[in-house]
Amino acid sequence: MARSRPKANASGPRSPRQLRVGEEIRHALAAVIGRGELRDRELRGLAITVSEVRVSADLRHATAFVLPLGGGAVEVIVKALTRAAPFLRGEVARAINLRHAPAIVFAPDTSFDYASRIDATLRRPEVRRDLERDSSRDDERD
């Protein structure tokens, strides 16, 4: 009987190895970008944050989530980093010890926008009133 291959867990929980490799790639990318080794005009003088790197189950593909510090056109930055992806892949391969250097795709990090929308929703008076009412009911049950 043939062995089944592990499925890529696109939406499921990531393994400790995926998390560790993703973090190592994040550090390597941040170091290269921070040193200013990229020659692209659109990236010169910009402070870019690599907030997270998600790695596929087979460790051959990585998605790096980036955003500019202090705001800016994140789409322009993503396009410029995509152009520099082969160079960055080589730098990551030199920095960390993996059998295969993962192909890196860059994506804008929208998690901060999402968090601020949730925060704004929770601060609305009608939501705050409902939350306070629910917490007072929980106190009565105890």
Protein backbone atom coordinates (compact mmCIF):
# COMPACT_ATOMS: atom_id res chain seq x y z
CA MET A 1 0.00 0.00 0.00
CA ALA A 2 1.35 3.42 -0.98
CA ARG A 3 2.04 5.96 1.70
CA SER A 4 -0.20 8.97 1.65
CA ARG A 5 1.46 12.33 1.23
CA PRO A 6 0.84 14.98 3.86
CA LYS A 7 -1.70 17.50 2.69
CA ALA A 8 -0.84 21.15 2.55
CA ASN A 9 -2.69 22.73 5.43
CA ALA A 10 -3.62 26.04 3.89
CA SER A 11 -6.23 26.86 6.48
CA GLY A 12 -5.47 24.38 9.24
CA PRO A 13 -3.04 24.69 12.11
CA ARG A 14 0.60 24.94 11.19
CA SER A 15 3.18 22.52 12.53
CA PRO A 16 5.94 23.67 14.87
CA ARG A 17 8.42 23.18 12.04
CA GLN A 18 6.42 25.45 9.72
CA LEU A 19 6.23 28.09 12.44
CA ARG A 20 9.97 27.87 13.17
CA VAL A 21 10.99 28.00 9.50
CA GLY A 22 8.58 30.88 8.87
CA GLU A 23 10.11 32.83 11.73
CA GLU A 24 13.65 32.17 10.46
CA ILE A 25 12.65 33.35 6.98
CA ARG A 26 11.02 36.44 8.50
CA HIS A 27 14.24 37.32 10.34
CA ALA A 28 16.36 36.74 7.21
CA LEU A 29 14.08 38.91 5.05
CA ALA A 30 13.98 41.67 7.66
CA ALA A 31 17.78 41.66 7.86
CA VAL A 32 18.25 41.95 4.09
CA ILE A 33 15.59 44.64 3.74
CA GLY A 34 16.90 46.49 6.80
CA ARG A 35 20.46 46.56 5.45
CA GLY A 36 19.21 48.32 2.33
CA GLU A 37 20.62 45.75 -0.08
CA LEU A 38 17.70 46.11 -2.48
CA ARG A 39 18.43 48.33 -5.47
CA ASP A 40 14.85 49.06 -6.45
CA ARG A 41 14.13 52.81 -6.51
CA GLU A 42 10.68 52.33 -5.02
CA LEU A 43 12.18 50.66 -1.94
CA ARG A 44 14.98 53.14 -1.24
CA GLY A 45 14.61 54.97 2.02
CA LEU A 46 11.52 53.03 3.11
CA ALA A 47 11.23 51.22 6.39
CA ILE A 48 9.40 47.97 5.68
CA THR A 49 8.13 45.56 8.29
CA VAL A 50 7.89 41.84 7.61
CA SER A 51 5.18 40.99 10.12
CA GLU A 52 4.71 37.28 9.38
CA VAL A 53 5.85 34.54 7.03
CA ARG A 54 3.59 31.55 6.44
CA VAL A 55 5.24 28.46 5.02
CA SER A 56 3.52 25.61 3.18
CA ALA A 57 3.58 22.11 4.67
CA ASP A 58 6.32 20.99 2.27
CA LEU A 59 8.37 24.15 3.05
CA ARG A 60 8.69 24.98 -0.66
CA HIS A 61 6.44 28.05 -0.68
CA ALA A 62 6.35 31.01 1.67
CA THR A 63 4.06 34.01 1.87
CA ALA A 64 5.63 37.06 3.50
CA PHE A 65 3.23 39.68 4.85
CA VAL A 66 4.70 43.17 4.69
CA LEU A 67 3.71 46.73 5.44
CA PRO A 68 5.51 50.07 5.35
CA LEU A 69 6.26 51.77 8.65
CA GLY A 70 4.59 55.13 8.86
CA GLY A 71 2.11 54.31 6.13
CA GLY A 72 2.54 54.42 2.42
CA ALA A 73 1.48 52.63 -0.72
CA VAL A 74 1.69 48.99 0.28
CA GLU A 75 0.77 47.83 -3.24
CA VAL A 76 3.83 49.56 -4.68
CA ILE A 77 6.03 47.94 -2.04
CA VAL A 78 4.56 44.48 -2.71
CA LYS A 79 5.20 44.86 -6.45
CA ALA A 80 8.78 46.00 -5.85
CA LEU A 81 9.46 43.14 -3.44
CA THR A 82 7.96 40.71 -5.94
CA ARG A 83 10.46 41.95 -8.53
CA ALA A 84 13.25 41.40 -5.98
CA ALA A 85 11.95 37.95 -4.94
CA PRO A 86 14.66 35.92 -6.74
CA PHE A 87 17.39 37.94 -5.02
CA LEU A 88 15.63 37.64 -1.67
CA ARG A 89 15.18 33.90 -2.14
CA GLY A 90 18.94 33.55 -2.65
CA GLU A 91 19.68 35.63 0.45
CA VAL A 92 17.26 33.52 2.51
CA ALA A 93 18.92 30.34 1.19
CA ARG A 94 22.31 31.63 2.37
CA ALA A 95 20.95 32.71 5.75
CA ILE A 96 19.09 29.56 6.78
CA ASN A 97 19.88 25.90 6.31
CA LEU A 98 17.10 24.24 4.33
CA ARG A 99 17.18 21.57 1.67
CA HIS A 100 15.26 23.81 -0.74
CA ALA A 101 14.91 27.56 -0.59
CA PRO A 102 11.20 28.38 -0.62
CA ALA A 103 9.63 30.46 -3.36
CA ILE A 104 8.59 33.69 -1.68
CA VAL A 105 5.37 35.54 -2.46
CA PHE A 106 4.75 38.95 -0.91
CA ALA A 107 1.35 40.10 0.30
CA PRO A 108 0.14 43.21 2.14
CA ASP A 109 -0.46 42.70 5.85
CA THR A 110 -4.04 43.70 6.58
CA SER A 111 -4.18 42.36 10.12
CA PHE A 112 -3.66 45.80 11.70
CA ASP A 113 -6.52 47.26 9.64
CA TYR A 114 -8.72 44.35 10.68
CA ALA A 115 -7.80 44.80 14.35
CA SER A 116 -8.57 48.52 14.24
CA ARG A 117 -11.99 47.81 12.64
CA ILE A 118 -12.78 45.35 15.44
CA ASP A 119 -11.60 47.86 18.04
CA ALA A 120 -13.77 50.59 16.52
CA THR A 121 -16.77 48.24 16.50
CA LEU A 122 -16.25 47.32 20.16
CA ARG A 123 -16.07 51.01 21.11
CA ARG A 124 -19.43 51.86 19.56
CA PRO A 125 -21.96 52.82 22.29
CA GLU A 126 -24.58 50.20 21.38
CA VAL A 127 -21.98 47.39 21.35
CA ARG A 128 -20.40 48.57 24.60
CA ARG A 129 -23.88 48.65 26.20
CA ASP A 130 -24.54 45.05 25.08
CA LEU A 131 -21.16 43.87 26.32
CA GLU A 132 -21.68 45.50 29.72
CA ARG A 133 -25.14 43.93 29.99
CA ASP A 134 -23.72 40.47 29.17
CA SER A 135 -20.91 40.85 31.71
CA SER A 136 -23.37 41.85 34.45
CA ARG A 137 -25.40 38.68 33.71
CA ASP A 138 -22.25 36.60 34.04
CA ASP A 139 -21.53 38.24 37.41
CA GLU A 140 -25.02 37.35 38.66
CA ARG A 141 -24.53 33.67 37.76
CA ASP A 142 -21.34 33.39 39.82
